[in-house]
């Protein structure tokens, strides 16, 4: 069907089915809102045959009826008149003056270090005193001793070695009056190899901080360890092929275990056969995700693509674990822990995108794929390249990001933003069953390309 026919059909449907002449505004979500940015947008839908204006500016309506129209915001009240030739709506958006007098915190250095213990599992050890971004060095177990040497805002500065420091959120440490912070002793070291993984175990006499990171293999640094230069014990795990997942943890209170998964032997003609995939449909329950121009909910489109992908993978002989297979609310941490518990080989989180107010004029659209661990970059790149080629949406980029669902996985993990719910051109495709199936086929093909290329 050509564009003219689509336009005529949409116009006819508007006249037949719509009981009202009102323009539907999806965003802003309500009238009389406050937005701190210097710009925003009106997102919604209207019959494409109508002439829609916002403050006398013509609004481009997609043949599907969707529109996205950026506007500038001045300080104070901004009045917007929305007119479709039959009805007028008035929207008020307030941009508050930036009267912030909050001063940045100052670093306070302690005269005498304070001893503290991590008070829970999965405590982020950070390179900077910021609670977001790619600054996580390691996630640590409970009851690991640190020396606090200062503070900055919500963070304590901790000393790892003579010249090595890091930051931990204050809420994750409990100060102790008496605690043994003497260097630990390494008692034994063992190595074990199984058909699917290599296991390294370092037995200490107490838990100590450590950092495990990817660098042409895996590099481990144990801190506060006796009889080593600067009390640092450094250990390199050679790479025996492409990384396919690893994890580290304390067992029996003092045994530090590192498990490195071997890359599975796969069939070139059907590389997904025999593997187990975690497919995560983003959002769910009361969390709708982004709302599209036509009022569609991201959570529903994510689930439709996930179920299509599940069917394709199962038909190819793979095993699939869906983090949700209906409209349930599942926490971000549960999505990861369930996938780890299921011992999945690859984790794929499916989403669809939106933009913040500050990016209203960016004209971004299309597909993007995210990874956190370096081991997942090649997977993300393969998926991104295949999606862009097969779906013919714009290439919105391959990106590293600290998203919760791809951060603590024990397998290669990625998050896909298939398209933009709020961009009319993307949205018109995303809402169709045909495109949702096409997206699933492209993701499967990207997985196959990755598995064959990595061998």
Protein backbone atom coordinates (compact mmCIF):
# COMPACT_ATOMS: atom_id res chain seq x y z
CA UNK A 1 0.00 0.00 0.00
CA UNK A 2 1.50 3.35 -1.01
CA UNK A 3 1.69 6.44 1.16
CA UNK A 4 -1.30 8.13 -0.51
CA UNK A 5 -3.52 5.10 0.11
CA UNK A 6 -2.39 4.93 3.74
CA UNK A 7 -3.20 8.60 4.20
CA UNK A 8 -6.65 8.22 2.60
CA UNK A 9 -7.40 5.12 4.71
CA UNK A 10 -6.31 6.83 7.91
CA UNK A 11 -8.43 9.86 7.10
CA UNK A 12 -11.47 7.64 6.39
CA UNK A 13 -10.99 5.71 9.63
CA UNK A 14 -10.78 8.99 11.55
CA UNK A 15 -14.11 10.14 10.15
CA UNK A 16 -15.82 6.81 10.77
CA UNK A 17 -14.46 5.68 14.13
CA UNK A 18 -13.56 8.74 16.18
CA UNK A 19 -16.45 10.02 18.33
CA UNK A 20 -14.60 13.23 19.15
CA UNK A 21 -12.65 15.86 17.29
CA UNK A 22 -10.05 16.19 20.08
CA UNK A 23 -6.33 15.81 19.50
CA UNK A 24 -4.94 13.13 21.83
CA UNK A 25 -1.87 14.28 23.76
CA UNK A 26 0.18 11.40 25.14
CA UNK A 27 2.99 13.61 26.49
CA UNK A 28 3.07 15.76 28.55
CA UNK A 29 1.07 13.26 30.58
CA UNK A 30 -1.17 16.02 31.99
CA UNK A 31 -1.79 19.71 31.77
CA UNK A 32 -0.21 22.24 34.15
CA UNK A 33 3.07 20.37 34.53
CA UNK A 34 6.51 21.55 35.62
CA UNK A 35 9.52 20.76 33.42
CA UNK A 36 13.02 21.95 34.28
CA UNK A 37 14.48 21.60 30.77
CA UNK A 38 14.68 24.47 28.26
CA UNK A 39 12.76 22.32 25.78
CA UNK A 40 10.19 19.56 25.63
CA UNK A 41 7.82 18.01 23.10
CA UNK A 42 4.17 17.29 22.48
CA UNK A 43 3.60 13.65 21.55
CA UNK A 44 0.25 12.29 20.49
CA UNK A 45 -2.01 11.49 17.59
CA UNK A 46 -4.48 13.14 15.28
CA UNK A 47 -6.18 12.34 11.98
CA UNK A 48 -3.46 12.88 9.35
CA UNK A 49 -5.94 14.70 7.08
CA UNK A 50 -6.27 17.53 9.60
CA UNK A 51 -4.08 20.60 9.93
CA UNK A 52 -2.72 20.59 13.47
CA UNK A 53 -1.03 23.65 14.89
CA UNK A 54 0.71 24.29 18.22
CA UNK A 55 1.10 28.03 18.87
CA UNK A 56 0.52 28.60 15.15
CA UNK A 57 3.35 26.23 14.17
CA UNK A 58 2.37 23.45 11.78
CA UNK A 59 2.69 19.96 13.29
CA UNK A 60 3.84 17.17 10.99
CA UNK A 61 1.41 14.26 11.36
CA UNK A 62 2.63 10.83 10.27
CA UNK A 63 0.28 8.77 8.03
CA UNK A 64 -0.33 6.56 11.08
CA UNK A 65 -1.67 9.61 12.93
CA UNK A 66 1.27 9.93 15.32
CA UNK A 67 3.22 13.13 15.87
CA UNK A 68 6.17 14.46 17.85
CA UNK A 69 6.52 18.24 17.98
CA UNK A 70 9.40 19.88 19.95
CA UNK A 71 8.87 23.23 21.66
CA UNK A 72 11.08 25.66 23.57
CA UNK A 73 10.45 26.58 27.18
CA UNK A 74 11.15 29.97 28.75
CA UNK A 75 11.38 30.49 32.49
CA UNK A 76 7.98 30.79 34.11
CA UNK A 77 4.65 29.83 32.55
CA UNK A 78 4.58 28.72 28.92
CA UNK A 79 1.16 28.69 27.27
CA UNK A 80 0.57 26.39 24.29
CA UNK A 81 -2.51 26.55 22.10
CA UNK A 82 -3.24 23.29 20.27
CA UNK A 83 -5.69 23.63 17.40
CA UNK A 84 -6.80 21.03 14.86
CA UNK A 85 -9.21 23.30 12.99
CA UNK A 86 -12.19 22.06 14.99
CA UNK A 87 -11.16 22.24 18.63
CA UNK A 88 -8.65 24.16 20.71
CA UNK A 89 -6.77 22.94 23.79
CA UNK A 90 -4.65 25.07 26.09
CA UNK A 91 -1.63 23.55 27.84
CA UNK A 92 0.42 25.28 30.53
CA UNK A 93 3.99 24.15 31.19
CA UNK A 94 6.03 25.85 33.91
CA UNK A 95 9.80 26.01 33.74
CA UNK A 96 11.04 27.03 37.22
CA UNK A 97 13.89 29.45 37.73
CA UNK A 98 17.14 27.76 38.75
CA UNK A 99 17.57 29.30 42.17
CA UNK A 100 19.56 26.41 43.53
CA UNK A 101 21.95 27.48 46.24
CA UNK A 102 23.04 23.96 47.12
CA UNK A 103 26.80 23.83 47.36
CA UNK A 104 28.79 20.86 46.19
CA UNK A 105 30.02 18.77 49.13
CA UNK A 106 33.60 19.12 50.23
CA UNK A 107 35.97 16.24 50.79
CA UNK A 108 36.69 15.65 54.47
CA UNK A 109 39.92 13.81 55.21
CA UNK A 110 40.07 11.90 58.48
CA UNK A 111 43.00 12.34 60.83
CA UNK A 112 42.68 8.71 61.87
CA UNK A 113 41.20 5.98 59.62
CA UNK A 114 37.95 4.38 60.77
CA UNK A 115 37.34 0.64 60.46
CA UNK A 116 34.06 -0.49 58.89
CA UNK A 117 32.40 -3.59 57.45
CA UNK A 118 30.18 -3.99 54.42
CA UNK A 119 26.69 -4.53 55.81
CA UNK A 120 25.10 -6.49 52.94
CA UNK A 121 25.88 -8.51 49.85
CA UNK A 122 26.43 -7.02 46.40
CA UNK A 123 27.96 -3.74 47.63
CA UNK A 124 29.29 -1.61 44.74
CA UNK A 125 32.93 -0.58 45.05
CA UNK A 126 33.29 2.55 42.89
CA UNK A 127 36.11 4.51 41.31
CA UNK A 128 34.34 7.86 41.88
CA UNK A 129 31.87 9.15 44.52
CA UNK A 130 28.92 9.08 42.12
CA UNK A 131 25.95 6.73 42.35
CA UNK A 132 25.49 6.26 38.60
CA UNK A 133 27.53 5.45 35.50
CA UNK A 134 30.31 3.07 34.58
CA UNK A 135 32.35 3.56 37.75
CA UNK A 136 31.71 0.22 39.47
CA UNK A 137 34.94 -1.67 40.14
CA UNK A 138 33.45 -4.70 41.86
CA UNK A 139 30.40 -5.95 43.75
CA UNK A 140 31.43 -7.21 47.17
CA UNK A 141 30.11 -9.60 49.78
CA UNK A 142 28.99 -8.70 53.30
CA UNK A 143 31.41 -8.45 56.23
CA UNK A 144 34.47 -7.28 54.31
CA UNK A 145 36.66 -4.93 56.33
CA UNK A 146 37.70 -1.50 55.07
CA UNK A 147 39.65 1.46 56.37
CA UNK A 148 37.72 4.69 55.82
CA UNK A 149 40.06 7.64 55.26
CA UNK A 150 37.56 10.36 54.40
CA UNK A 151 34.14 11.21 53.05
CA UNK A 152 32.52 13.18 50.26
CA UNK A 153 28.76 13.70 50.25
CA UNK A 154 27.06 10.30 50.50
CA UNK A 155 30.30 8.34 50.06
CA UNK A 156 33.19 7.12 52.17
CA UNK A 157 36.66 7.02 50.70
CA UNK A 158 38.29 3.69 51.51
CA UNK A 159 41.94 2.71 51.26
CA UNK A 160 42.66 -0.54 49.44
CA UNK A 161 46.46 -0.36 49.33
CA UNK A 162 49.19 2.24 49.80
CA UNK A 163 48.22 4.20 46.67
CA UNK A 164 44.87 2.58 45.84
CA UNK A 165 41.58 4.08 46.93
CA UNK A 166 37.90 3.60 46.10
CA UNK A 167 34.47 4.81 47.19
CA UNK A 168 31.53 3.09 48.91
CA UNK A 169 28.12 4.58 49.64
CA UNK A 170 27.77 5.35 53.34
CA UNK A 171 24.62 3.24 53.58
CA UNK A 172 26.64 0.12 52.69
CA UNK A 173 29.18 0.36 55.52
CA UNK A 174 28.81 -0.02 59.27
CA UNK A 175 31.50 1.39 61.53
CA UNK A 176 32.94 -0.96 64.13
CA UNK A 177 34.77 -0.16 67.33
CA UNK A 178 36.96 -3.22 67.37
CA UNK A 179 37.82 -5.17 64.26
CA UNK A 180 40.85 -7.01 63.01
CA UNK A 181 42.07 -5.17 59.93
CA UNK A 182 45.43 -6.90 59.80
CA UNK A 183 46.50 -8.23 56.38
CA UNK A 184 45.00 -11.61 55.50
CA UNK A 185 47.03 -14.72 54.76
CA UNK A 186 46.67 -16.88 51.67
CA UNK A 187 46.60 -20.45 52.94
CA UNK A 188 46.06 -22.55 49.78
CA UNK A 189 45.32 -22.23 46.09
CA UNK A 190 43.51 -24.86 44.02
CA UNK A 191 42.50 -25.25 40.38
CA UNK A 192 39.80 -27.49 38.95
CA UNK A 193 38.59 -27.98 35.41
CA UNK A 194 35.24 -29.43 34.34
CA UNK A 195 33.79 -29.84 30.83
CA UNK A 196 32.01 -26.50 31.05
CA UNK A 197 34.17 -24.30 33.30
CA UNK A 198 37.46 -23.60 35.06
CA UNK A 199 37.38 -23.06 38.83
CA UNK A 200 40.05 -21.13 40.77
CA UNK A 201 39.89 -21.15 44.57
CA UNK A 202 42.04 -19.01 46.86
CA UNK A 203 41.65 -19.94 50.52
CA UNK A 204 42.33 -17.08 52.94
CA UNK A 205 42.00 -16.78 56.68
CA UNK A 206 39.45 -13.95 56.27
CA UNK A 207 37.57 -12.02 53.63
CA UNK A 208 39.37 -9.14 51.94
CA UNK A 209 38.41 -6.64 49.23
CA UNK A 210 39.21 -7.61 45.64
CA UNK A 211 38.69 -6.44 42.07
CA UNK A 212 38.23 -8.82 39.14
CA UNK A 213 38.29 -7.27 35.69
CA UNK A 214 38.63 -8.24 32.05
CA UNK A 215 41.97 -7.54 30.37
CA UNK A 216 42.98 -10.09 27.71
CA UNK A 217 41.72 -12.64 30.18
CA UNK A 218 40.82 -11.90 33.79
CA UNK A 219 42.98 -9.95 36.22
CA UNK A 220 42.40 -10.37 39.94
CA UNK A 221 43.78 -8.04 42.60
CA UNK A 222 43.38 -9.04 46.25
CA UNK A 223 43.91 -6.20 48.74
CA UNK A 224 45.19 -6.28 52.29
CA UNK A 225 47.07 -9.56 51.84
CA UNK A 226 50.21 -10.32 53.84
CA UNK A 227 53.70 -10.88 52.35
CA UNK A 228 53.07 -9.14 49.03
CA UNK A 229 54.26 -5.75 47.80
CA UNK A 230 51.88 -3.04 49.06
CA UNK A 231 49.83 -5.93 50.50
CA UNK A 232 48.39 -6.55 47.02
CA UNK A 233 48.20 -10.02 45.49
CA UNK A 234 47.77 -9.94 41.71
CA UNK A 235 46.73 -12.95 39.68
CA UNK A 236 46.10 -13.35 35.94
CA UNK A 237 43.75 -15.92 34.43
CA UNK A 238 44.75 -16.67 30.86
CA UNK A 239 42.22 -16.39 28.09
CA UNK A 240 41.47 -19.72 26.40
CA UNK A 241 39.04 -18.26 23.84
CA UNK A 242 36.25 -15.74 23.88
CA UNK A 243 34.75 -15.04 27.30
CA UNK A 244 31.40 -16.68 27.88
CA UNK A 245 30.62 -15.64 31.42
CA UNK A 246 32.32 -15.72 34.80
CA UNK A 247 31.53 -15.08 38.44
CA UNK A 248 33.37 -14.61 41.71
CA UNK A 249 32.16 -15.18 45.25
CA UNK A 250 33.23 -16.14 48.76
CA UNK A 251 32.45 -19.72 49.78
CA UNK A 252 32.77 -21.13 53.31
CA UNK A 253 33.23 -17.54 54.49
CA UNK A 254 36.89 -17.23 53.45
CA UNK A 255 37.39 -19.11 50.16
CA UNK A 256 37.40 -16.77 47.16
CA UNK A 257 36.13 -18.71 44.14
CA UNK A 258 36.36 -17.60 40.50
CA UNK A 259 34.44 -19.63 37.94
CA UNK A 260 35.15 -19.05 34.25
CA UNK A 261 32.73 -20.64 31.78
CA UNK A 262 34.08 -22.36 28.70
CA UNK A 263 32.61 -21.44 25.35
CA UNK A 264 30.25 -24.25 24.32
CA UNK A 265 30.77 -26.35 21.23
CA UNK A 266 28.04 -25.36 18.79
CA UNK A 267 26.83 -26.50 15.40
CA UNK A 268 27.69 -24.00 12.66
CA UNK A 269 24.43 -24.73 10.87
CA UNK A 270 22.34 -24.27 14.02
CA UNK A 271 24.48 -22.59 16.68
CA UNK A 272 21.65 -21.86 19.14
CA UNK A 273 20.76 -25.55 19.50
CA UNK A 274 21.40 -26.86 23.00
CA UNK A 275 21.98 -23.43 24.55
CA UNK A 276 19.80 -21.78 27.18
CA UNK A 277 18.70 -18.17 26.66
CA UNK A 278 17.21 -15.76 29.17
CA UNK A 279 14.81 -13.46 27.30
CA UNK A 280 13.74 -10.46 29.33
CA UNK A 281 10.72 -8.42 28.24
CA UNK A 282 11.29 -5.01 29.82
CA UNK A 283 8.79 -3.44 32.26
CA UNK A 284 5.43 -5.10 33.07
CA UNK A 285 2.57 -4.73 35.52
CA UNK A 286 2.16 -1.10 36.60
CA UNK A 287 5.41 -0.20 34.84
CA UNK A 288 4.28 0.61 31.31
CA UNK A 289 7.60 1.86 30.02
CA UNK A 290 7.42 4.41 27.22
CA UNK A 291 4.01 5.32 25.80
CA UNK A 292 3.88 5.54 22.01
CA UNK A 293 2.35 8.29 19.88
CA UNK A 294 -0.80 6.22 19.42
CA UNK A 295 -1.08 5.34 23.12
CA UNK A 296 0.54 1.91 22.88
CA UNK A 297 2.53 0.67 25.89
CA UNK A 298 6.15 -0.34 25.60
CA UNK A 299 5.69 -3.28 27.99
CA UNK A 300 3.23 -4.93 25.58
CA UNK A 301 5.47 -4.60 22.53
CA UNK A 302 8.48 -5.85 24.49
CA UNK A 303 6.56 -8.97 25.52
CA UNK A 304 5.27 -9.63 22.00
CA UNK A 305 8.81 -9.55 20.57
CA UNK A 306 10.12 -11.69 23.46
CA UNK A 307 7.47 -14.38 22.90
CA UNK A 308 8.17 -14.41 19.16
CA UNK A 309 11.86 -14.84 19.89
CA UNK A 310 11.16 -17.61 22.40
CA UNK A 311 9.18 -19.54 19.77
CA UNK A 312 11.93 -19.19 17.16
CA UNK A 313 14.68 -20.30 19.54
CA UNK A 314 12.71 -23.28 20.89
CA UNK A 315 11.93 -24.40 17.34
CA UNK A 316 15.69 -24.31 16.66
CA UNK A 317 16.41 -26.61 19.62
CA UNK A 318 17.33 -24.02 22.25
CA UNK A 319 15.96 -23.77 25.77
CA UNK A 320 14.40 -20.43 26.74
CA UNK A 321 13.71 -18.85 30.11
CA UNK A 322 11.36 -15.84 29.98
CA UNK A 323 11.81 -13.50 32.94
CA UNK A 324 8.10 -12.74 32.47
CA UNK A 325 5.59 -14.35 30.12
CA UNK A 326 2.61 -12.16 31.00
CA UNK A 327 1.90 -8.68 32.37
CA UNK A 328 3.64 -9.25 35.70
CA UNK A 329 5.86 -6.84 37.58
CA UNK A 330 9.31 -8.35 38.07
CA UNK A 331 12.04 -6.40 39.86
CA UNK A 332 15.27 -5.68 38.02
CA UNK A 333 17.33 -7.65 40.54
CA UNK A 334 14.98 -10.63 40.27
CA UNK A 335 15.34 -10.71 36.49
CA UNK A 336 19.10 -11.09 36.87
CA UNK A 337 19.07 -13.48 39.83
CA UNK A 338 16.51 -15.74 38.13
CA UNK A 339 18.59 -15.89 34.95
CA UNK A 340 21.69 -16.72 37.00
CA UNK A 341 19.80 -19.38 38.95
CA UNK A 342 18.57 -20.90 35.70
CA UNK A 343 22.23 -21.07 34.53
CA UNK A 344 21.41 -19.39 31.24
CA UNK A 345 24.11 -19.02 28.59
CA UNK A 346 23.06 -15.65 27.16
CA UNK A 347 20.81 -12.87 28.51
CA UNK A 348 18.82 -10.62 26.14
CA UNK A 349 16.67 -7.79 27.50
CA UNK A 350 14.16 -6.33 25.04
CA UNK A 351 13.01 -2.71 25.29
CA UNK A 352 11.81 0.21 23.18
CA UNK A 353 13.05 3.73 23.61
CA UNK A 354 11.96 7.26 24.46
CA UNK A 355 13.77 10.58 24.88
CA UNK A 356 14.16 12.94 27.82
CA UNK A 357 12.85 16.49 27.50
CA UNK A 358 16.37 17.86 27.07
CA UNK A 359 16.78 15.80 23.87
CA UNK A 360 13.46 16.89 22.34
CA UNK A 361 15.13 18.41 19.27
CA UNK A 362 17.74 15.68 18.78
CA UNK A 363 15.82 13.85 16.03
CA UNK A 364 17.18 10.54 17.32
CA UNK A 365 15.46 7.38 16.20
CA UNK A 366 16.12 3.73 15.46
CA UNK A 367 17.87 0.85 17.15
CA UNK A 368 20.52 0.80 19.87
CA UNK A 369 22.15 -2.05 21.80
CA UNK A 370 23.80 -1.78 25.22
CA UNK A 371 26.36 -3.86 27.12
CA UNK A 372 28.10 -3.48 30.48
CA UNK A 373 30.89 -6.06 30.69
CA UNK A 374 33.54 -6.04 27.93
CA UNK A 375 32.84 -9.75 27.35
CA UNK A 376 29.38 -8.76 26.08
CA UNK A 377 30.53 -6.17 23.56
CA UNK A 378 30.93 -8.59 20.65
CA UNK A 379 27.43 -9.98 21.33
CA UNK A 380 25.96 -6.47 21.41
CA UNK A 381 27.78 -5.52 18.21
CA UNK A 382 26.50 -8.57 16.35
CA UNK A 383 22.91 -7.94 17.46
CA UNK A 384 23.10 -4.23 16.64
CA UNK A 385 24.52 -4.79 13.16
CA UNK A 386 21.94 -7.44 12.34
CA UNK A 387 18.97 -5.45 13.65
CA UNK A 388 19.94 -2.33 11.70
CA UNK A 389 20.41 -4.36 8.52
CA UNK A 390 17.23 -6.41 8.83
CA UNK A 391 14.81 -3.84 10.27
CA UNK A 392 16.09 -0.86 8.25
CA UNK A 393 15.68 1.53 11.17
CA UNK A 394 18.31 4.17 11.90
CA UNK A 395 21.49 3.04 13.65
CA UNK A 396 21.25 4.68 17.09
CA UNK A 397 24.50 3.11 18.22
CA UNK A 398 26.33 0.46 20.21
CA UNK A 399 26.82 1.72 23.76
CA UNK A 400 28.25 0.77 27.15
CA UNK A 401 25.88 1.52 30.02
CA UNK A 402 25.37 0.49 33.64
CA UNK A 403 21.85 -0.90 33.35
CA UNK A 404 20.80 -3.10 36.28
CA UNK A 405 19.63 -6.07 34.17
CA UNK A 406 22.97 -6.46 32.35
CA UNK A 407 25.27 -5.69 35.26
CA UNK A 408 25.32 -8.67 37.61
CA UNK A 409 24.76 -11.44 35.11
CA UNK A 410 27.01 -14.49 35.03
CA UNK A 411 26.71 -14.76 31.25
CA UNK A 412 27.08 -12.39 28.27
CA UNK A 413 24.20 -9.93 28.53
CA UNK A 414 22.79 -7.14 26.39
CA UNK A 415 19.85 -4.75 26.38
CA UNK A 416 18.21 -3.91 23.05
CA UNK A 417 16.19 -0.78 22.32
CA UNK A 418 14.49 -1.96 19.12
CA UNK A 419 13.06 1.45 18.21
CA UNK A 420 11.60 4.66 19.61
CA UNK A 421 8.02 4.49 20.87
CA UNK A 422 7.68 8.28 20.65
CA UNK A 423 9.04 8.68 17.10
CA UNK A 424 6.08 8.32 14.71
CA UNK A 425 8.04 6.51 11.98
CA UNK A 426 9.40 3.91 14.44
CA UNK A 427 6.16 3.66 16.39
CA UNK A 428 4.06 2.90 13.31
CA UNK A 429 6.23 -0.17 12.68
CA UNK A 430 6.63 -1.31 16.27
CA UNK A 431 2.91 -1.70 16.87
CA UNK A 432 2.42 -4.19 14.02
CA UNK A 433 2.57 -7.95 14.56
CA UNK A 434 4.53 -8.29 11.31
CA UNK A 435 7.32 -5.99 12.51
CA UNK A 436 7.40 -7.59 15.98
CA UNK A 437 8.00 -10.97 14.31
CA UNK A 438 10.62 -9.42 12.04
CA UNK A 439 12.44 -8.00 15.07
CA UNK A 440 12.48 -11.45 16.73
CA UNK A 441 13.86 -13.05 13.56
CA UNK A 442 16.60 -10.40 13.39
CA UNK A 443 17.60 -10.92 17.05
CA UNK A 444 17.84 -14.68 16.50
CA UNK A 445 19.96 -14.11 13.41
CA UNK A 446 22.22 -11.76 15.41
CA UNK A 447 22.64 -14.43 18.08
CA UNK A 448 23.56 -17.00 15.43
CA UNK A 449 26.10 -14.63 13.85
CA UNK A 450 27.69 -14.01 17.26
CA UNK A 451 27.92 -17.68 18.14
CA UNK A 452 29.48 -18.57 14.77
CA UNK A 453 31.88 -15.61 14.73
CA UNK A 454 33.12 -16.25 18.26
CA UNK A 455 34.09 -19.88 17.63
